[in-house]
Each structure stands twice: as structure tokens, then as C-alpha cells.
Amino acid sequence: MSHTIQFDDFTKVDLRVGTIVEVNDFPKAKNPAYQLTIDFGDLGIKKSSAQITTLYTKEDLLNKQIVAVVNFPKKQIATFMSECLVLGAVNNKDVILLNPENKVPNGTVVS
């Protein structure tokens, strides 16, 4: 287990559900990755880079709902500006995306 945090720390993290609307290869990334464009409803469209190429094809990802942190500062990854962090469970080197069991509106808060 990592460090203990206070509940107030957790409430600062803005977790939202979004739908992947575009997936592109990201050949300039250090490790194999995709560039994702994600619709978060009223929050708008955000982009992210994700190292999820071992378990997911571009076709698998298109229109898939995911969970992401949307209030981190933007981060430059090679030539790409990532605007959110897509969440997944890491199993060895494979990342299994976290997603709602049932479809929910884009932008839905995860708590």
C-alpha cells in the first residue's frame, strides 16, 4: 500500500467518464501508445496518450467509455500535449482500462 492520504486529498481529484471518439497511432512515443481524443460532455473534448496497445486495437477503443482524471495540468509527451490521464489496472506490462459497467452520460463524475 502507498502513503495514506486524507479524504480532502481524494476530493481534489476530478474523475470523469468519457467516450473515446478518435484513436491514432503515436509513433513518436518512447513506448508503443495511442493518441486518444475523448468526449467528456459539458467538459468538452480532451486528448490523452495511453500505452494500451498490447490489449486494445484502435477499433476496440473507438466509442469505448473510460474513466480519466481531468484536472491534472497538461503534460507534453513527445510532440503531443496530453490533457487528461486515462485510468487502468496494470497487470505486468498490460493496462486494462477502467470503464463503467453500463453506459452513462459523458462527463459523469466518478466518486
N, C-alpha and C. Protein backbone atom coordinates (compact mmCIF):
# COMPACT_ATOMS: atom_id res chain seq x y z
N MET A 1 0.84 -1.17 0.00
CA MET A 1 0.00 0.00 0.00
C MET A 1 0.89 1.24 0.00
N SER A 2 0.44 2.26 -0.70
CA SER A 2 1.20 3.50 -0.75
C SER A 2 0.85 4.37 0.45
N HIS A 3 1.28 5.60 0.42
CA HIS A 3 1.08 6.53 1.54
C HIS A 3 -0.40 6.76 1.82
N THR A 4 -0.73 6.94 3.08
CA THR A 4 -2.09 7.29 3.47
C THR A 4 -2.35 8.75 3.11
N ILE A 5 -3.52 9.01 2.55
CA ILE A 5 -3.90 10.39 2.24
C ILE A 5 -5.17 10.72 3.03
N GLN A 6 -5.46 11.99 3.08
CA GLN A 6 -6.69 12.44 3.73
C GLN A 6 -7.82 12.45 2.70
N PHE A 7 -9.05 12.33 3.18
CA PHE A 7 -10.20 12.33 2.28
C PHE A 7 -10.22 13.61 1.44
N ASP A 8 -9.82 14.74 2.05
CA ASP A 8 -9.78 16.00 1.30
C ASP A 8 -8.85 15.92 0.09
N ASP A 9 -7.77 15.12 0.21
CA ASP A 9 -6.86 14.94 -0.93
C ASP A 9 -7.60 14.24 -2.07
N PHE A 10 -8.36 13.21 -1.74
CA PHE A 10 -9.10 12.46 -2.76
C PHE A 10 -10.13 13.35 -3.45
N THR A 11 -10.79 14.22 -2.69
CA THR A 11 -11.84 15.05 -3.29
C THR A 11 -11.29 16.06 -4.29
N LYS A 12 -9.99 16.28 -4.28
CA LYS A 12 -9.37 17.20 -5.25
C LYS A 12 -9.21 16.57 -6.63
N VAL A 13 -9.27 15.25 -6.70
CA VAL A 13 -9.09 14.54 -7.97
C VAL A 13 -10.44 14.48 -8.68
N ASP A 14 -10.49 15.03 -9.89
CA ASP A 14 -11.72 15.06 -10.67
C ASP A 14 -11.72 13.88 -11.65
N LEU A 15 -12.45 12.83 -11.27
CA LEU A 15 -12.57 11.62 -12.09
C LEU A 15 -13.87 11.70 -12.88
N ARG A 16 -13.76 11.51 -14.18
CA ARG A 16 -14.94 11.60 -15.04
C ARG A 16 -14.97 10.47 -16.05
N VAL A 17 -16.17 10.18 -16.53
CA VAL A 17 -16.36 9.20 -17.60
C VAL A 17 -16.39 9.96 -18.92
N GLY A 18 -15.70 9.42 -19.91
CA GLY A 18 -15.72 9.99 -21.25
C GLY A 18 -15.76 8.88 -22.28
N THR A 19 -16.08 9.25 -23.50
CA THR A 19 -16.13 8.29 -24.62
C THR A 19 -15.03 8.62 -25.60
N ILE A 20 -14.25 7.61 -25.96
CA ILE A 20 -13.18 7.78 -26.94
C ILE A 20 -13.81 7.96 -28.32
N VAL A 21 -13.52 9.09 -28.96
CA VAL A 21 -14.13 9.40 -30.25
C VAL A 21 -13.12 9.35 -31.40
N GLU A 22 -11.83 9.28 -31.06
CA GLU A 22 -10.80 9.19 -32.10
C GLU A 22 -9.58 8.50 -31.50
N VAL A 23 -8.95 7.63 -32.29
CA VAL A 23 -7.75 6.91 -31.86
C VAL A 23 -6.74 6.97 -33.00
N ASN A 24 -5.51 7.39 -32.66
CA ASN A 24 -4.44 7.44 -33.65
C ASN A 24 -3.19 6.77 -33.09
N ASP A 25 -2.38 6.23 -33.98
CA ASP A 25 -1.08 5.71 -33.59
C ASP A 25 -0.22 6.87 -33.09
N PHE A 26 0.75 6.56 -32.23
CA PHE A 26 1.64 7.58 -31.69
C PHE A 26 3.08 7.09 -31.85
N PRO A 27 3.60 7.14 -33.09
CA PRO A 27 4.92 6.57 -33.36
C PRO A 27 6.07 7.31 -32.66
N LYS A 28 5.89 8.55 -32.25
CA LYS A 28 6.97 9.30 -31.60
C LYS A 28 7.06 9.04 -30.10
N ALA A 29 6.13 8.28 -29.54
CA ALA A 29 6.18 7.94 -28.11
C ALA A 29 7.34 6.97 -27.85
N LYS A 30 7.94 7.07 -26.65
CA LYS A 30 9.04 6.16 -26.29
C LYS A 30 8.60 4.71 -26.29
N ASN A 31 7.42 4.46 -25.74
CA ASN A 31 6.83 3.13 -25.71
C ASN A 31 5.58 3.12 -26.58
N PRO A 32 5.21 1.98 -27.15
CA PRO A 32 4.03 1.93 -28.01
C PRO A 32 2.81 2.54 -27.31
N ALA A 33 2.13 3.44 -28.00
CA ALA A 33 0.99 4.14 -27.41
C ALA A 33 0.03 4.61 -28.49
N TYR A 34 -1.16 4.98 -28.04
CA TYR A 34 -2.15 5.61 -28.91
C TYR A 34 -2.36 7.04 -28.44
N GLN A 35 -2.78 7.89 -29.37
CA GLN A 35 -3.28 9.22 -29.05
C GLN A 35 -4.80 9.11 -29.05
N LEU A 36 -5.42 9.47 -27.94
CA LEU A 36 -6.87 9.35 -27.79
C LEU A 36 -7.50 10.74 -27.76
N THR A 37 -8.64 10.87 -28.40
CA THR A 37 -9.49 12.05 -28.28
C THR A 37 -10.75 11.58 -27.57
N ILE A 38 -11.08 12.25 -26.45
CA ILE A 38 -12.13 11.76 -25.56
C ILE A 38 -13.17 12.85 -25.33
N ASP A 39 -14.44 12.48 -25.47
CA ASP A 39 -15.55 13.40 -25.25
C ASP A 39 -16.02 13.29 -23.80
N PHE A 40 -15.90 14.40 -23.05
CA PHE A 40 -16.33 14.45 -21.66
C PHE A 40 -17.59 15.30 -21.50
N GLY A 41 -18.45 15.30 -22.50
CA GLY A 41 -19.72 16.01 -22.41
C GLY A 41 -19.52 17.50 -22.22
N ASP A 42 -20.13 18.06 -21.15
CA ASP A 42 -20.06 19.50 -20.90
C ASP A 42 -18.64 19.99 -20.65
N LEU A 43 -17.72 19.09 -20.24
CA LEU A 43 -16.32 19.48 -20.03
C LEU A 43 -15.58 19.63 -21.35
N GLY A 44 -16.16 19.12 -22.43
CA GLY A 44 -15.55 19.25 -23.74
C GLY A 44 -14.71 18.05 -24.13
N ILE A 45 -13.92 18.24 -25.16
CA ILE A 45 -13.05 17.21 -25.74
C ILE A 45 -11.66 17.38 -25.14
N LYS A 46 -11.06 16.27 -24.71
CA LYS A 46 -9.69 16.29 -24.20
C LYS A 46 -8.90 15.19 -24.89
N LYS A 47 -7.59 15.39 -24.93
CA LYS A 47 -6.70 14.41 -25.57
C LYS A 47 -5.82 13.76 -24.51
N SER A 48 -5.44 12.51 -24.79
CA SER A 48 -4.57 11.78 -23.89
C SER A 48 -3.73 10.79 -24.69
N SER A 49 -2.57 10.49 -24.15
CA SER A 49 -1.73 9.44 -24.70
C SER A 49 -1.82 8.25 -23.76
N ALA A 50 -1.95 7.05 -24.30
CA ALA A 50 -2.10 5.87 -23.45
C ALA A 50 -1.32 4.69 -24.02
N GLN A 51 -0.54 4.06 -23.15
CA GLN A 51 0.24 2.87 -23.53
C GLN A 51 -0.62 1.63 -23.34
N ILE A 52 -1.56 1.45 -24.25
CA ILE A 52 -2.54 0.37 -24.14
C ILE A 52 -2.61 -0.47 -25.41
N THR A 53 -1.51 -0.47 -26.16
CA THR A 53 -1.52 -1.13 -27.47
C THR A 53 -1.44 -2.65 -27.39
N THR A 54 -1.04 -3.20 -26.24
CA THR A 54 -0.90 -4.66 -26.16
C THR A 54 -2.24 -5.37 -26.06
N LEU A 55 -3.23 -4.72 -25.45
CA LEU A 55 -4.53 -5.38 -25.27
C LEU A 55 -5.65 -4.81 -26.13
N TYR A 56 -5.44 -3.61 -26.69
CA TYR A 56 -6.51 -2.93 -27.42
C TYR A 56 -6.08 -2.53 -28.82
N THR A 57 -6.97 -2.77 -29.77
CA THR A 57 -6.76 -2.23 -31.11
C THR A 57 -7.46 -0.88 -31.18
N LYS A 58 -7.17 -0.12 -32.21
CA LYS A 58 -7.84 1.16 -32.39
C LYS A 58 -9.35 0.95 -32.52
N GLU A 59 -9.74 -0.12 -33.19
CA GLU A 59 -11.17 -0.40 -33.37
C GLU A 59 -11.83 -0.75 -32.03
N ASP A 60 -11.11 -1.47 -31.15
CA ASP A 60 -11.65 -1.79 -29.82
C ASP A 60 -11.94 -0.53 -29.01
N LEU A 61 -11.11 0.47 -29.18
CA LEU A 61 -11.19 1.68 -28.36
C LEU A 61 -12.22 2.69 -28.82
N LEU A 62 -12.47 2.73 -30.10
CA LEU A 62 -13.40 3.72 -30.64
C LEU A 62 -14.79 3.53 -30.03
N ASN A 63 -15.34 4.59 -29.47
CA ASN A 63 -16.65 4.63 -28.81
C ASN A 63 -16.69 3.91 -27.46
N LYS A 64 -15.54 3.56 -26.92
CA LYS A 64 -15.47 2.93 -25.60
C LYS A 64 -15.49 4.00 -24.52
N GLN A 65 -16.28 3.77 -23.49
CA GLN A 65 -16.27 4.69 -22.36
C GLN A 65 -15.13 4.31 -21.42
N ILE A 66 -14.48 5.33 -20.87
CA ILE A 66 -13.34 5.15 -19.98
C ILE A 66 -13.48 6.10 -18.78
N VAL A 67 -12.61 5.89 -17.79
CA VAL A 67 -12.53 6.78 -16.64
C VAL A 67 -11.19 7.50 -16.71
N ALA A 68 -11.20 8.80 -16.44
CA ALA A 68 -9.96 9.58 -16.52
C ALA A 68 -9.94 10.67 -15.46
N VAL A 69 -8.73 11.08 -15.09
CA VAL A 69 -8.53 12.26 -14.26
C VAL A 69 -8.49 13.44 -15.22
N VAL A 70 -9.36 14.43 -15.00
CA VAL A 70 -9.45 15.53 -15.95
C VAL A 70 -8.91 16.86 -15.41
N ASN A 71 -8.38 16.86 -14.18
CA ASN A 71 -7.90 18.14 -13.63
C ASN A 71 -6.41 18.15 -13.31
N PHE A 72 -5.64 17.30 -13.96
CA PHE A 72 -4.18 17.42 -13.91
C PHE A 72 -3.76 18.51 -14.89
N PRO A 73 -2.60 19.13 -14.66
CA PRO A 73 -2.12 20.07 -15.68
C PRO A 73 -1.76 19.32 -16.96
N LYS A 74 -1.78 20.03 -18.08
CA LYS A 74 -1.39 19.42 -19.36
C LYS A 74 0.05 18.94 -19.27
N LYS A 75 0.35 17.85 -20.01
CA LYS A 75 1.70 17.29 -19.98
C LYS A 75 2.16 17.02 -21.40
N GLN A 76 3.36 17.50 -21.73
CA GLN A 76 3.94 17.27 -23.05
C GLN A 76 4.53 15.86 -23.09
N ILE A 77 4.09 15.06 -24.06
CA ILE A 77 4.62 13.72 -24.27
C ILE A 77 5.08 13.68 -25.73
N ALA A 78 6.40 13.70 -25.92
CA ALA A 78 6.99 13.82 -27.26
C ALA A 78 6.39 15.06 -27.93
N THR A 79 5.72 14.89 -29.06
CA THR A 79 5.16 16.02 -29.78
C THR A 79 3.68 16.24 -29.48
N PHE A 80 3.18 15.60 -28.44
CA PHE A 80 1.75 15.56 -28.14
C PHE A 80 1.48 16.17 -26.77
N MET A 81 0.41 16.97 -26.65
CA MET A 81 0.03 17.55 -25.37
C MET A 81 -1.14 16.75 -24.79
N SER A 82 -0.87 16.03 -23.68
CA SER A 82 -1.89 15.24 -23.01
C SER A 82 -2.65 16.12 -22.03
N GLU A 83 -3.99 16.04 -22.07
CA GLU A 83 -4.83 16.91 -21.26
C GLU A 83 -5.57 16.19 -20.14
N CYS A 84 -5.47 14.87 -20.09
CA CYS A 84 -6.12 14.09 -19.04
C CYS A 84 -5.36 12.77 -18.90
N LEU A 85 -5.65 12.06 -17.82
CA LEU A 85 -4.98 10.78 -17.56
C LEU A 85 -6.02 9.67 -17.55
N VAL A 86 -5.97 8.80 -18.55
CA VAL A 86 -6.87 7.66 -18.63
C VAL A 86 -6.41 6.64 -17.59
N LEU A 87 -7.37 6.08 -16.85
CA LEU A 87 -7.03 5.16 -15.76
C LEU A 87 -7.17 3.70 -16.18
N GLY A 88 -6.27 2.89 -15.65
CA GLY A 88 -6.31 1.46 -15.93
C GLY A 88 -5.62 0.68 -14.84
N ALA A 89 -5.95 -0.59 -14.77
CA ALA A 89 -5.29 -1.51 -13.84
C ALA A 89 -4.08 -2.09 -14.56
N VAL A 90 -2.92 -2.06 -13.91
CA VAL A 90 -1.69 -2.53 -14.54
C VAL A 90 -1.44 -3.97 -14.10
N ASN A 91 -1.34 -4.86 -15.09
CA ASN A 91 -1.08 -6.28 -14.85
C ASN A 91 0.17 -6.63 -15.64
N ASN A 92 1.32 -6.70 -14.94
CA ASN A 92 2.62 -6.80 -15.59
C ASN A 92 2.81 -5.56 -16.45
N LYS A 93 2.91 -5.70 -17.77
CA LYS A 93 3.04 -4.53 -18.64
C LYS A 93 1.74 -4.17 -19.34
N ASP A 94 0.72 -4.98 -19.12
CA ASP A 94 -0.58 -4.73 -19.75
C ASP A 94 -1.41 -3.78 -18.90
N VAL A 95 -2.14 -2.88 -19.57
CA VAL A 95 -3.03 -1.95 -18.89
C VAL A 95 -4.46 -2.28 -19.30
N ILE A 96 -5.30 -2.56 -18.30
CA ILE A 96 -6.71 -2.85 -18.54
C ILE A 96 -7.48 -1.60 -18.16
N LEU A 97 -8.14 -0.98 -19.12
CA LEU A 97 -8.84 0.28 -18.89
C LEU A 97 -9.98 0.13 -17.89
N LEU A 98 -10.14 1.16 -17.05
CA LEU A 98 -11.28 1.21 -16.16
C LEU A 98 -12.43 1.84 -16.91
N ASN A 99 -13.60 1.24 -16.80
CA ASN A 99 -14.76 1.77 -17.50
C ASN A 99 -16.03 1.39 -16.75
N PRO A 100 -17.10 2.19 -16.92
CA PRO A 100 -18.35 1.87 -16.24
C PRO A 100 -18.96 0.59 -16.82
N GLU A 101 -19.65 -0.14 -15.96
CA GLU A 101 -20.31 -1.38 -16.39
C GLU A 101 -21.44 -1.11 -17.36
N ASN A 102 -22.14 0.00 -17.13
CA ASN A 102 -23.23 0.41 -18.01
C ASN A 102 -22.92 1.78 -18.58
N LYS A 103 -23.47 2.07 -19.75
CA LYS A 103 -23.23 3.38 -20.39
C LYS A 103 -23.83 4.48 -19.53
N VAL A 104 -23.06 5.56 -19.36
CA VAL A 104 -23.52 6.72 -18.61
C VAL A 104 -23.22 7.97 -19.45
N PRO A 105 -23.84 9.10 -19.11
CA PRO A 105 -23.56 10.32 -19.88
C PRO A 105 -22.08 10.72 -19.77
N ASN A 106 -21.51 11.20 -20.87
CA ASN A 106 -20.14 11.70 -20.85
C ASN A 106 -20.04 12.84 -19.85
N GLY A 107 -18.96 12.83 -19.08
CA GLY A 107 -18.76 13.84 -18.06
C GLY A 107 -19.25 13.42 -16.69
N THR A 108 -19.88 12.26 -16.59
CA THR A 108 -20.37 11.79 -15.29
C THR A 108 -19.22 11.71 -14.30
N VAL A 109 -19.46 12.21 -13.09
CA VAL A 109 -18.46 12.20 -12.03
C VAL A 109 -18.33 10.79 -11.46
N VAL A 110 -17.08 10.38 -11.22
CA VAL A 110 -16.79 9.11 -10.56
C VAL A 110 -16.39 9.44 -9.14
N SER A 111 -17.06 8.80 -8.18
CA SER A 111 -16.74 9.10 -6.77
C SER A 111 -16.66 7.83 -5.96
